[in-house]
Amino acid sequence: MNSAAVLDDLLDALSRCLNPESARRILNFHVNPPVQERIATLAEQANEGNLTADEHSEYEALIDAADFISILKRKAERHLDQIPH
């Protein structure tokens, strides 16, 4: 099983632990402006080929975190869709 499938399975199981309120809070989560600015700065430097090794590691970690959050948001949304209204 590849790492994406493992992460998907883990987050699927985690999403089933959410109550409706926590699922909605996850869906409403947004990255704060200073973090968004840092990501944009690192992305620009990456596109120009100007990242240091530390910046490259930081950028990869931020991308991984963004992927994690996006997947968790999708799982939370699906979980809410399955709850009877």
N, C-alpha and C. Protein backbone atom coordinates (compact mmCIF):
# COMPACT_ATOMS: atom_id res chain seq x y z
N MET A 1 0.85 -1.17 0.00
CA MET A 1 0.00 0.00 0.00
C MET A 1 0.90 1.24 0.00
N ASN A 2 0.60 2.19 -0.90
CA ASN A 2 1.44 3.38 -0.96
C ASN A 2 1.09 4.37 0.15
N SER A 3 1.94 5.35 0.35
CA SER A 3 1.76 6.28 1.47
C SER A 3 0.49 7.11 1.34
N ALA A 4 0.09 7.44 0.12
CA ALA A 4 -1.15 8.21 -0.06
C ALA A 4 -2.36 7.39 0.37
N ALA A 5 -2.36 6.10 0.06
CA ALA A 5 -3.47 5.23 0.44
C ALA A 5 -3.51 5.04 1.96
N VAL A 6 -2.36 4.92 2.57
CA VAL A 6 -2.29 4.77 4.03
C VAL A 6 -2.83 6.04 4.69
N LEU A 7 -2.39 7.20 4.22
CA LEU A 7 -2.87 8.47 4.78
C LEU A 7 -4.38 8.59 4.59
N ASP A 8 -4.87 8.21 3.43
CA ASP A 8 -6.31 8.26 3.16
C ASP A 8 -7.07 7.39 4.15
N ASP A 9 -6.59 6.17 4.37
CA ASP A 9 -7.24 5.27 5.33
C ASP A 9 -7.20 5.83 6.75
N LEU A 10 -6.06 6.37 7.15
CA LEU A 10 -5.94 6.95 8.49
C LEU A 10 -6.91 8.10 8.70
N LEU A 11 -6.97 8.98 7.72
CA LEU A 11 -7.84 10.14 7.86
C LEU A 11 -9.31 9.77 7.73
N ASP A 12 -9.60 8.71 6.98
CA ASP A 12 -10.98 8.23 6.91
C ASP A 12 -11.42 7.75 8.29
N ALA A 13 -10.58 6.97 8.93
CA ALA A 13 -10.89 6.49 10.28
C ALA A 13 -11.00 7.66 11.26
N LEU A 14 -10.10 8.62 11.16
CA LEU A 14 -10.13 9.79 12.03
C LEU A 14 -11.41 10.58 11.83
N SER A 15 -11.85 10.74 10.60
CA SER A 15 -13.05 11.54 10.33
C SER A 15 -14.30 10.94 10.97
N ARG A 16 -14.31 9.63 11.13
CA ARG A 16 -15.46 8.98 11.78
C ARG A 16 -15.51 9.29 13.28
N CYS A 17 -14.44 9.84 13.84
CA CYS A 17 -14.41 10.24 15.25
C CYS A 17 -14.99 11.64 15.45
N LEU A 18 -15.24 12.34 14.37
CA LEU A 18 -15.70 13.72 14.47
C LEU A 18 -17.20 13.79 14.75
N ASN A 19 -17.57 14.72 15.60
CA ASN A 19 -18.98 15.02 15.73
C ASN A 19 -19.29 16.12 14.71
N PRO A 20 -20.56 16.42 14.47
CA PRO A 20 -20.88 17.44 13.45
C PRO A 20 -20.21 18.78 13.68
N GLU A 21 -20.14 19.23 14.94
CA GLU A 21 -19.52 20.52 15.22
C GLU A 21 -18.04 20.53 14.85
N SER A 22 -17.32 19.50 15.25
CA SER A 22 -15.88 19.47 14.95
C SER A 22 -15.64 19.32 13.45
N ALA A 23 -16.48 18.57 12.76
CA ALA A 23 -16.35 18.44 11.31
C ALA A 23 -16.55 19.80 10.64
N ARG A 24 -17.54 20.55 11.09
CA ARG A 24 -17.78 21.89 10.53
C ARG A 24 -16.60 22.84 10.83
N ARG A 25 -16.04 22.71 12.02
CA ARG A 25 -14.89 23.57 12.37
C ARG A 25 -13.70 23.27 11.46
N ILE A 26 -13.50 22.00 11.15
CA ILE A 26 -12.42 21.64 10.22
C ILE A 26 -12.70 22.24 8.85
N LEU A 27 -13.95 22.14 8.38
CA LEU A 27 -14.29 22.70 7.08
C LEU A 27 -14.09 24.21 7.03
N ASN A 28 -14.27 24.88 8.16
CA ASN A 28 -14.11 26.33 8.21
C ASN A 28 -12.69 26.79 8.50
N PHE A 29 -11.79 25.84 8.70
CA PHE A 29 -10.40 26.18 9.00
C PHE A 29 -9.74 26.84 7.80
N HIS A 30 -9.03 27.92 8.07
CA HIS A 30 -8.24 28.61 7.04
C HIS A 30 -6.87 28.93 7.61
N VAL A 31 -5.88 28.88 6.78
CA VAL A 31 -4.51 29.21 7.17
C VAL A 31 -4.45 30.72 7.41
N ASN A 32 -3.76 31.12 8.46
CA ASN A 32 -3.70 32.55 8.76
C ASN A 32 -2.79 33.27 7.76
N PRO A 33 -3.03 34.59 7.58
CA PRO A 33 -2.29 35.35 6.57
C PRO A 33 -0.76 35.27 6.66
N PRO A 34 -0.15 35.34 7.84
CA PRO A 34 1.32 35.24 7.85
C PRO A 34 1.83 33.90 7.29
N VAL A 35 1.13 32.83 7.57
CA VAL A 35 1.55 31.53 7.04
C VAL A 35 1.34 31.51 5.52
N GLN A 36 0.21 32.05 5.06
CA GLN A 36 -0.03 32.12 3.62
C GLN A 36 1.06 32.92 2.92
N GLU A 37 1.46 34.02 3.54
CA GLU A 37 2.52 34.86 2.97
C GLU A 37 3.84 34.09 2.90
N ARG A 38 4.14 33.33 3.95
CA ARG A 38 5.38 32.55 3.97
C ARG A 38 5.36 31.50 2.87
N ILE A 39 4.23 30.82 2.70
CA ILE A 39 4.11 29.82 1.64
C ILE A 39 4.31 30.48 0.27
N ALA A 40 3.70 31.64 0.07
CA ALA A 40 3.83 32.34 -1.21
C ALA A 40 5.28 32.74 -1.47
N THR A 41 5.96 33.22 -0.42
CA THR A 41 7.37 33.60 -0.56
C THR A 41 8.23 32.40 -0.93
N LEU A 42 8.02 31.29 -0.21
CA LEU A 42 8.80 30.08 -0.51
C LEU A 42 8.48 29.54 -1.90
N ALA A 43 7.22 29.62 -2.30
CA ALA A 43 6.83 29.14 -3.63
C ALA A 43 7.53 29.96 -4.71
N GLU A 44 7.56 31.26 -4.52
CA GLU A 44 8.23 32.13 -5.49
C GLU A 44 9.73 31.81 -5.57
N GLN A 45 10.34 31.65 -4.41
CA GLN A 45 11.77 31.31 -4.39
C GLN A 45 12.01 29.93 -5.02
N ALA A 46 11.11 29.00 -4.78
CA ALA A 46 11.25 27.66 -5.37
C ALA A 46 11.15 27.73 -6.88
N ASN A 47 10.21 28.52 -7.37
CA ASN A 47 10.05 28.67 -8.82
C ASN A 47 11.28 29.31 -9.47
N GLU A 48 11.97 30.12 -8.71
CA GLU A 48 13.18 30.78 -9.21
C GLU A 48 14.43 29.94 -8.96
N GLY A 49 14.26 28.82 -8.23
CA GLY A 49 15.40 27.96 -7.91
C GLY A 49 16.31 28.54 -6.85
N ASN A 50 15.75 29.35 -5.96
CA ASN A 50 16.56 30.06 -4.97
C ASN A 50 16.31 29.63 -3.53
N LEU A 51 15.86 28.41 -3.29
CA LEU A 51 15.65 27.95 -1.93
C LEU A 51 16.92 27.37 -1.34
N THR A 52 17.18 27.72 -0.08
CA THR A 52 18.26 27.05 0.63
C THR A 52 17.76 25.66 1.02
N ALA A 53 18.62 24.83 1.53
CA ALA A 53 18.23 23.49 1.96
C ALA A 53 17.19 23.57 3.08
N ASP A 54 17.39 24.48 4.01
CA ASP A 54 16.43 24.65 5.11
C ASP A 54 15.08 25.15 4.59
N GLU A 55 15.11 26.09 3.67
CA GLU A 55 13.86 26.60 3.10
C GLU A 55 13.14 25.52 2.30
N HIS A 56 13.90 24.71 1.61
CA HIS A 56 13.31 23.61 0.85
C HIS A 56 12.60 22.64 1.79
N SER A 57 13.24 22.31 2.89
CA SER A 57 12.61 21.42 3.89
C SER A 57 11.35 22.06 4.47
N GLU A 58 11.44 23.35 4.77
CA GLU A 58 10.28 24.06 5.31
C GLU A 58 9.13 24.06 4.30
N TYR A 59 9.45 24.34 3.04
CA TYR A 59 8.44 24.39 1.99
C TYR A 59 7.78 23.02 1.81
N GLU A 60 8.57 21.97 1.80
CA GLU A 60 8.01 20.62 1.68
C GLU A 60 7.10 20.30 2.86
N ALA A 61 7.50 20.68 4.06
CA ALA A 61 6.67 20.44 5.24
C ALA A 61 5.35 21.20 5.16
N LEU A 62 5.40 22.43 4.68
CA LEU A 62 4.18 23.22 4.53
C LEU A 62 3.26 22.62 3.46
N ILE A 63 3.83 22.13 2.37
CA ILE A 63 3.04 21.48 1.33
C ILE A 63 2.40 20.21 1.88
N ASP A 64 3.18 19.43 2.62
CA ASP A 64 2.64 18.20 3.23
C ASP A 64 1.50 18.53 4.19
N ALA A 65 1.67 19.57 4.98
CA ALA A 65 0.62 19.97 5.91
C ALA A 65 -0.63 20.43 5.16
N ALA A 66 -0.45 21.17 4.08
CA ALA A 66 -1.59 21.63 3.28
C ALA A 66 -2.33 20.43 2.68
N ASP A 67 -1.57 19.45 2.19
CA ASP A 67 -2.20 18.24 1.65
C ASP A 67 -2.99 17.51 2.72
N PHE A 68 -2.40 17.38 3.90
CA PHE A 68 -3.06 16.73 5.03
C PHE A 68 -4.37 17.44 5.37
N ILE A 69 -4.32 18.75 5.47
CA ILE A 69 -5.51 19.53 5.80
C ILE A 69 -6.57 19.39 4.73
N SER A 70 -6.17 19.42 3.47
CA SER A 70 -7.13 19.27 2.37
C SER A 70 -7.83 17.93 2.41
N ILE A 71 -7.07 16.88 2.64
CA ILE A 71 -7.67 15.55 2.72
C ILE A 71 -8.60 15.45 3.92
N LEU A 72 -8.17 15.97 5.07
CA LEU A 72 -9.01 15.93 6.26
C LEU A 72 -10.30 16.72 6.04
N LYS A 73 -10.21 17.85 5.35
CA LYS A 73 -11.41 18.61 5.05
C LYS A 73 -12.38 17.81 4.18
N ARG A 74 -11.87 17.13 3.17
CA ARG A 74 -12.73 16.29 2.32
C ARG A 74 -13.38 15.19 3.13
N LYS A 75 -12.62 14.57 4.03
CA LYS A 75 -13.16 13.51 4.87
C LYS A 75 -14.23 14.06 5.80
N ALA A 76 -14.01 15.23 6.38
CA ALA A 76 -14.99 15.84 7.27
C ALA A 76 -16.26 16.17 6.51
N GLU A 77 -16.10 16.66 5.29
CA GLU A 77 -17.27 16.98 4.47
C GLU A 77 -18.08 15.72 4.15
N ARG A 78 -17.41 14.66 3.78
CA ARG A 78 -18.10 13.39 3.51
C ARG A 78 -18.79 12.87 4.76
N HIS A 79 -18.13 13.00 5.89
CA HIS A 79 -18.71 12.56 7.16
C HIS A 79 -19.99 13.32 7.43
N LEU A 80 -19.97 14.63 7.25
CA LEU A 80 -21.18 15.43 7.47
C LEU A 80 -22.30 15.05 6.49
N ASP A 81 -21.93 14.73 5.26
CA ASP A 81 -22.93 14.32 4.27
C ASP A 81 -23.63 13.03 4.65
N GLN A 82 -22.96 12.19 5.44
CA GLN A 82 -23.52 10.90 5.82
C GLN A 82 -24.37 10.96 7.09
N ILE A 83 -24.32 12.09 7.78
CA ILE A 83 -25.10 12.25 9.01
C ILE A 83 -26.53 12.63 8.63
N PRO A 84 -27.52 11.88 9.13
CA PRO A 84 -28.92 12.24 8.82
C PRO A 84 -29.25 13.63 9.37
N HIS A 85 -29.97 14.39 8.58
CA HIS A 85 -30.32 15.77 8.99
C HIS A 85 -31.67 15.79 9.64
